[in-house]
Amino acid sequence: MIKGLKDIKPIVQIPDNSLIILSVISFVVLIALVLLYLLLKPRRKRRAKPTPRELNLEKLKNIDFSNDKEIAYTFTTLAGQFLDKEIYDKIVSKLNIYKYKKDTPLMTKELKQEIQKALGGIK
């Protein structure tokens, strides 16, 4: 052997933490992107959808009192859930002559006023 040469040293294990560092950096970037999205997205106000009861009440409040058949049918189908049973039955019995026929007599002003009064008491 030549005296000036040194022996080859055995393989030395070098610690490699690059995978851990890469995963930590990726996690931090992901969290930053989520926070940025939440801060910049437009805020939407959530409107409550009207319930069927509220829709029926709106229909009752907007009855066209110039159309007798519409009054009779709308009141009969929708007002039962809002009015006292006695008042409702009394008015519906008066409205039966205005339903289910092609030609009906004109509705009296007193009956229209009674219906308006009953609908005015609904909350």
N, C-alpha and C. Protein backbone atom coordinates (compact mmCIF):
# COMPACT_ATOMS: atom_id res chain seq x y z
N MET A 1 0.81 -1.19 0.00
CA MET A 1 0.00 0.00 0.00
C MET A 1 0.85 1.25 0.00
N ILE A 2 0.16 2.27 -0.54
CA ILE A 2 0.85 3.55 -0.60
C ILE A 2 0.60 4.27 0.72
N LYS A 3 1.66 4.83 1.22
CA LYS A 3 1.55 5.40 2.54
C LYS A 3 0.78 6.70 2.57
N GLY A 4 0.61 7.48 1.55
CA GLY A 4 -0.05 8.78 1.57
C GLY A 4 -1.57 8.70 1.44
N LEU A 5 -2.09 7.54 1.10
CA LEU A 5 -3.53 7.41 0.91
C LEU A 5 -4.21 7.04 2.22
N LYS A 6 -5.41 7.57 2.36
CA LYS A 6 -6.21 7.25 3.55
C LYS A 6 -7.28 6.25 3.16
N ASP A 7 -7.72 5.48 4.11
CA ASP A 7 -8.76 4.49 3.85
C ASP A 7 -10.11 5.17 3.59
N ILE A 8 -10.96 4.47 2.85
CA ILE A 8 -12.32 4.95 2.60
C ILE A 8 -13.10 4.71 3.87
N LYS A 9 -13.77 5.74 4.31
CA LYS A 9 -14.52 5.63 5.55
C LYS A 9 -15.88 5.00 5.28
N PRO A 10 -16.46 4.39 6.26
CA PRO A 10 -17.76 3.77 6.07
C PRO A 10 -18.86 4.83 5.86
N ILE A 11 -19.98 4.38 5.31
CA ILE A 11 -21.09 5.30 5.04
C ILE A 11 -21.64 5.83 6.35
N VAL A 12 -21.82 7.16 6.38
CA VAL A 12 -22.32 7.81 7.59
C VAL A 12 -23.77 8.21 7.34
N GLN A 13 -24.62 7.97 8.31
CA GLN A 13 -26.05 8.34 8.21
C GLN A 13 -26.18 9.84 8.48
N ILE A 14 -26.74 10.58 7.49
CA ILE A 14 -26.96 12.01 7.65
C ILE A 14 -28.44 12.19 7.98
N PRO A 15 -28.78 12.88 9.07
CA PRO A 15 -30.20 13.06 9.42
C PRO A 15 -30.91 13.92 8.37
N ASP A 16 -32.06 13.44 7.88
CA ASP A 16 -32.81 14.15 6.84
C ASP A 16 -34.20 14.48 7.38
N ASN A 17 -34.42 15.72 7.68
CA ASN A 17 -35.71 16.18 8.21
C ASN A 17 -36.53 16.93 7.16
N SER A 18 -36.18 16.80 5.93
CA SER A 18 -36.85 17.59 4.89
C SER A 18 -38.32 17.20 4.73
N LEU A 19 -38.66 15.93 4.92
CA LEU A 19 -40.06 15.50 4.80
C LEU A 19 -40.92 16.11 5.90
N ILE A 20 -40.41 16.16 7.09
CA ILE A 20 -41.14 16.76 8.22
C ILE A 20 -41.30 18.26 7.99
N ILE A 21 -40.24 18.90 7.56
CA ILE A 21 -40.30 20.35 7.31
C ILE A 21 -41.28 20.65 6.19
N LEU A 22 -41.27 19.86 5.12
CA LEU A 22 -42.19 20.07 4.00
C LEU A 22 -43.64 19.89 4.44
N SER A 23 -43.92 18.88 5.26
CA SER A 23 -45.30 18.67 5.72
C SER A 23 -45.76 19.79 6.65
N VAL A 24 -44.90 20.30 7.50
CA VAL A 24 -45.26 21.42 8.38
C VAL A 24 -45.54 22.67 7.56
N ILE A 25 -44.70 22.96 6.59
CA ILE A 25 -44.90 24.13 5.73
C ILE A 25 -46.20 23.99 4.94
N SER A 26 -46.48 22.80 4.41
CA SER A 26 -47.72 22.58 3.66
C SER A 26 -48.95 22.79 4.55
N PHE A 27 -48.89 22.29 5.76
CA PHE A 27 -50.00 22.44 6.70
C PHE A 27 -50.23 23.92 7.04
N VAL A 28 -49.18 24.66 7.27
CA VAL A 28 -49.30 26.09 7.59
C VAL A 28 -49.87 26.85 6.40
N VAL A 29 -49.42 26.55 5.20
CA VAL A 29 -49.94 27.21 4.00
C VAL A 29 -51.42 26.87 3.81
N LEU A 30 -51.80 25.63 4.04
CA LEU A 30 -53.19 25.23 3.91
C LEU A 30 -54.08 25.98 4.91
N ILE A 31 -53.64 26.07 6.15
CA ILE A 31 -54.40 26.81 7.17
C ILE A 31 -54.50 28.28 6.78
N ALA A 32 -53.42 28.87 6.27
CA ALA A 32 -53.44 30.27 5.87
C ALA A 32 -54.42 30.49 4.72
N LEU A 33 -54.48 29.57 3.75
CA LEU A 33 -55.41 29.71 2.64
C LEU A 33 -56.86 29.60 3.10
N VAL A 34 -57.14 28.69 4.01
CA VAL A 34 -58.50 28.54 4.54
C VAL A 34 -58.91 29.81 5.27
N LEU A 35 -58.04 30.33 6.11
CA LEU A 35 -58.36 31.57 6.84
C LEU A 35 -58.55 32.75 5.89
N LEU A 36 -57.73 32.82 4.87
CA LEU A 36 -57.86 33.89 3.88
C LEU A 36 -59.19 33.79 3.14
N TYR A 37 -59.58 32.58 2.78
CA TYR A 37 -60.87 32.37 2.11
C TYR A 37 -62.03 32.80 3.01
N LEU A 38 -61.97 32.39 4.27
CA LEU A 38 -63.05 32.74 5.20
C LEU A 38 -63.14 34.25 5.43
N LEU A 39 -62.03 34.92 5.42
CA LEU A 39 -62.04 36.37 5.62
C LEU A 39 -62.51 37.14 4.39
N LEU A 40 -62.20 36.64 3.22
CA LEU A 40 -62.50 37.38 1.99
C LEU A 40 -63.81 36.99 1.32
N LYS A 41 -64.38 35.85 1.68
CA LYS A 41 -65.63 35.46 1.01
C LYS A 41 -66.74 36.41 1.41
N PRO A 42 -67.64 36.68 0.49
CA PRO A 42 -68.74 37.62 0.82
C PRO A 42 -69.66 37.01 1.87
N ARG A 43 -70.04 37.86 2.78
CA ARG A 43 -70.95 37.41 3.82
C ARG A 43 -72.37 37.39 3.27
N ARG A 44 -73.03 36.29 3.42
CA ARG A 44 -74.41 36.18 2.96
C ARG A 44 -75.32 36.14 4.17
N LYS A 45 -76.30 36.97 4.14
CA LYS A 45 -77.29 36.93 5.20
C LYS A 45 -78.26 35.81 4.87
N ARG A 46 -78.49 34.98 5.84
CA ARG A 46 -79.41 33.88 5.63
C ARG A 46 -80.82 34.35 5.93
N ARG A 47 -81.63 34.33 4.91
CA ARG A 47 -83.03 34.70 5.09
C ARG A 47 -83.82 33.45 5.42
N ALA A 48 -84.61 33.59 6.41
CA ALA A 48 -85.45 32.45 6.78
C ALA A 48 -86.55 32.29 5.73
N LYS A 49 -86.75 31.10 5.31
CA LYS A 49 -87.81 30.85 4.34
C LYS A 49 -89.15 30.96 5.06
N PRO A 50 -90.11 31.59 4.41
CA PRO A 50 -91.42 31.69 5.06
C PRO A 50 -92.07 30.32 5.21
N THR A 51 -92.70 30.13 6.33
CA THR A 51 -93.37 28.87 6.59
C THR A 51 -94.67 28.81 5.80
N PRO A 52 -95.24 27.64 5.60
CA PRO A 52 -96.52 27.55 4.90
C PRO A 52 -97.61 28.36 5.61
N ARG A 53 -97.56 28.42 6.91
CA ARG A 53 -98.54 29.22 7.65
C ARG A 53 -98.41 30.70 7.30
N GLU A 54 -97.17 31.20 7.23
CA GLU A 54 -96.95 32.60 6.86
C GLU A 54 -97.40 32.87 5.42
N LEU A 55 -97.15 31.93 4.52
CA LEU A 55 -97.58 32.10 3.13
C LEU A 55 -99.11 32.15 3.04
N ASN A 56 -99.78 31.26 3.79
CA ASN A 56 -101.24 31.26 3.78
C ASN A 56 -101.80 32.54 4.38
N LEU A 57 -101.17 33.04 5.42
CA LEU A 57 -101.62 34.29 6.02
C LEU A 57 -101.48 35.45 5.03
N GLU A 58 -100.39 35.45 4.29
CA GLU A 58 -100.19 36.49 3.28
C GLU A 58 -101.25 36.41 2.19
N LYS A 59 -101.59 35.19 1.77
CA LYS A 59 -102.64 35.02 0.75
C LYS A 59 -103.99 35.51 1.28
N LEU A 60 -104.27 35.23 2.55
CA LEU A 60 -105.53 35.69 3.14
C LEU A 60 -105.59 37.21 3.22
N LYS A 61 -104.48 37.82 3.58
CA LYS A 61 -104.45 39.28 3.70
C LYS A 61 -104.59 39.96 2.34
N ASN A 62 -104.25 39.25 1.27
CA ASN A 62 -104.28 39.84 -0.08
C ASN A 62 -105.45 39.34 -0.92
N ILE A 63 -106.52 38.94 -0.29
CA ILE A 63 -107.70 38.49 -1.05
C ILE A 63 -108.28 39.66 -1.84
N ASP A 64 -108.63 39.39 -3.09
CA ASP A 64 -109.26 40.39 -3.94
C ASP A 64 -110.76 40.39 -3.62
N PHE A 65 -111.24 41.42 -2.94
CA PHE A 65 -112.64 41.47 -2.52
C PHE A 65 -113.59 41.88 -3.64
N SER A 66 -113.08 42.02 -4.84
CA SER A 66 -113.97 42.30 -5.96
C SER A 66 -114.42 41.00 -6.65
N ASN A 67 -113.77 39.90 -6.34
CA ASN A 67 -114.09 38.61 -6.95
C ASN A 67 -114.70 37.70 -5.87
N ASP A 68 -116.02 37.48 -5.98
CA ASP A 68 -116.73 36.74 -4.94
C ASP A 68 -116.28 35.28 -4.85
N LYS A 69 -116.03 34.64 -5.97
CA LYS A 69 -115.61 33.23 -5.95
C LYS A 69 -114.24 33.10 -5.30
N GLU A 70 -113.33 34.02 -5.60
CA GLU A 70 -112.00 33.98 -4.99
C GLU A 70 -112.10 34.13 -3.47
N ILE A 71 -112.96 35.03 -3.04
CA ILE A 71 -113.16 35.20 -1.59
C ILE A 71 -113.63 33.88 -0.98
N ALA A 72 -114.63 33.28 -1.58
CA ALA A 72 -115.22 32.07 -1.03
C ALA A 72 -114.21 30.93 -0.97
N TYR A 73 -113.51 30.69 -2.07
CA TYR A 73 -112.58 29.56 -2.10
C TYR A 73 -111.36 29.81 -1.22
N THR A 74 -110.77 30.98 -1.31
CA THR A 74 -109.57 31.27 -0.53
C THR A 74 -109.87 31.25 0.96
N PHE A 75 -110.96 31.89 1.34
CA PHE A 75 -111.30 31.92 2.76
C PHE A 75 -111.57 30.50 3.27
N THR A 76 -112.30 29.72 2.51
CA THR A 76 -112.65 28.36 2.95
C THR A 76 -111.41 27.49 3.10
N THR A 77 -110.48 27.58 2.17
CA THR A 77 -109.31 26.69 2.22
C THR A 77 -108.25 27.14 3.20
N LEU A 78 -108.10 28.44 3.43
CA LEU A 78 -106.96 28.91 4.22
C LEU A 78 -107.30 29.43 5.62
N ALA A 79 -108.49 29.94 5.82
CA ALA A 79 -108.78 30.63 7.08
C ALA A 79 -109.01 29.69 8.25
N GLY A 80 -109.26 28.42 8.00
CA GLY A 80 -109.54 27.48 9.08
C GLY A 80 -108.42 27.35 10.08
N GLN A 81 -107.18 27.53 9.66
CA GLN A 81 -106.06 27.37 10.57
C GLN A 81 -105.80 28.62 11.41
N PHE A 82 -106.47 29.72 11.09
CA PHE A 82 -106.22 30.96 11.81
C PHE A 82 -107.38 31.40 12.71
N LEU A 83 -108.59 31.00 12.36
CA LEU A 83 -109.76 31.51 13.07
C LEU A 83 -110.31 30.49 14.06
N ASP A 84 -111.10 31.02 14.99
CA ASP A 84 -111.82 30.17 15.92
C ASP A 84 -112.82 29.32 15.13
N LYS A 85 -113.00 28.08 15.54
CA LYS A 85 -113.82 27.14 14.79
C LYS A 85 -115.26 27.64 14.62
N GLU A 86 -115.82 28.25 15.63
CA GLU A 86 -117.21 28.72 15.54
C GLU A 86 -117.36 29.83 14.50
N ILE A 87 -116.46 30.78 14.55
CA ILE A 87 -116.51 31.90 13.59
C ILE A 87 -116.28 31.37 12.17
N TYR A 88 -115.30 30.51 12.03
CA TYR A 88 -114.97 29.95 10.72
C TYR A 88 -116.17 29.18 10.15
N ASP A 89 -116.75 28.31 10.93
CA ASP A 89 -117.89 27.50 10.46
C ASP A 89 -119.09 28.38 10.09
N LYS A 90 -119.31 29.41 10.86
CA LYS A 90 -120.43 30.33 10.58
C LYS A 90 -120.25 31.01 9.23
N ILE A 91 -119.05 31.51 8.97
CA ILE A 91 -118.80 32.21 7.70
C ILE A 91 -118.80 31.23 6.53
N VAL A 92 -118.20 30.06 6.71
CA VAL A 92 -118.14 29.07 5.62
C VAL A 92 -119.54 28.61 5.24
N SER A 93 -120.42 28.46 6.21
CA SER A 93 -121.78 28.05 5.87
C SER A 93 -122.48 29.11 5.01
N LYS A 94 -122.14 30.37 5.23
CA LYS A 94 -122.70 31.44 4.40
C LYS A 94 -122.05 31.49 3.01
N LEU A 95 -120.82 31.01 2.93
CA LEU A 95 -120.09 31.07 1.65
C LEU A 95 -120.43 29.92 0.71
N ASN A 96 -121.06 28.89 1.17
CA ASN A 96 -121.32 27.71 0.34
C ASN A 96 -122.16 28.03 -0.89
N ILE A 97 -123.00 29.05 -0.84
CA ILE A 97 -123.82 29.37 -2.01
C ILE A 97 -123.00 30.03 -3.12
N TYR A 98 -121.78 30.48 -2.79
CA TYR A 98 -120.92 31.14 -3.78
C TYR A 98 -119.91 30.18 -4.40
N LYS A 99 -119.93 28.93 -3.99
CA LYS A 99 -118.97 27.96 -4.49
C LYS A 99 -119.68 26.88 -5.31
N TYR A 100 -118.91 26.21 -6.15
CA TYR A 100 -119.33 25.02 -6.89
C TYR A 100 -120.44 25.29 -7.91
N LYS A 101 -120.66 26.52 -8.29
CA LYS A 101 -121.68 26.84 -9.29
C LYS A 101 -121.08 27.79 -10.31
N LYS A 102 -121.63 27.72 -11.51
CA LYS A 102 -121.12 28.59 -12.58
C LYS A 102 -121.57 30.03 -12.34
N ASP A 103 -122.85 30.21 -12.12
CA ASP A 103 -123.38 31.55 -11.88
C ASP A 103 -123.81 31.64 -10.41
N THR A 104 -123.29 32.62 -9.73
CA THR A 104 -123.62 32.80 -8.32
C THR A 104 -124.14 34.21 -8.10
N PRO A 105 -124.96 34.42 -7.07
CA PRO A 105 -125.41 35.78 -6.77
C PRO A 105 -124.24 36.61 -6.23
N LEU A 106 -124.42 37.91 -6.25
CA LEU A 106 -123.39 38.79 -5.72
C LEU A 106 -123.32 38.66 -4.20
N MET A 107 -122.13 38.73 -3.68
CA MET A 107 -121.93 38.60 -2.24
C MET A 107 -122.39 39.89 -1.57
N THR A 108 -123.04 39.75 -0.45
CA THR A 108 -123.54 40.93 0.26
C THR A 108 -122.39 41.67 0.92
N LYS A 109 -122.61 42.98 1.09
CA LYS A 109 -121.59 43.80 1.74
C LYS A 109 -121.38 43.37 3.18
N GLU A 110 -122.47 42.95 3.82
CA GLU A 110 -122.37 42.53 5.22
C GLU A 110 -121.45 41.30 5.36
N LEU A 111 -121.58 40.35 4.42
CA LEU A 111 -120.74 39.16 4.47
C LEU A 111 -119.28 39.52 4.19
N LYS A 112 -119.06 40.41 3.23
CA LYS A 112 -117.70 40.85 2.95
C LYS A 112 -117.09 41.53 4.17
N GLN A 113 -117.89 42.39 4.83
CA GLN A 113 -117.40 43.07 6.02
C GLN A 113 -117.12 42.08 7.15
N GLU A 114 -117.96 41.06 7.28
CA GLU A 114 -117.75 40.04 8.29
C GLU A 114 -116.45 39.27 8.04
N ILE A 115 -116.20 38.97 6.77
CA ILE A 115 -114.95 38.28 6.41
C ILE A 115 -113.74 39.19 6.69
N GLN A 116 -113.84 40.45 6.30
CA GLN A 116 -112.76 41.39 6.54
C GLN A 116 -112.50 41.56 8.04
N LYS A 117 -113.57 41.61 8.81
CA LYS A 117 -113.44 41.75 10.27
C LYS A 117 -112.74 40.51 10.85
N ALA A 118 -113.14 39.32 10.37
CA ALA A 118 -112.53 38.08 10.86
C ALA A 118 -111.05 38.02 10.46
N LEU A 119 -110.75 38.45 9.24
CA LEU A 119 -109.36 38.44 8.80
C LEU A 119 -108.52 39.51 9.50
N GLY A 120 -109.17 40.59 9.88
CA GLY A 120 -108.44 41.66 10.59
C GLY A 120 -108.00 41.23 11.97
N GLY A 121 -108.68 40.27 12.57
CA GLY A 121 -108.32 39.80 13.89
C GLY A 121 -107.22 38.76 13.88
N ILE A 122 -106.78 38.34 12.72
CA ILE A 122 -105.70 37.34 12.63
C ILE A 122 -104.37 38.00 12.90
N LYS A 123 -103.55 37.31 13.65
CA LYS A 123 -102.21 37.84 13.95
C LYS A 123 -101.15 36.99 13.32
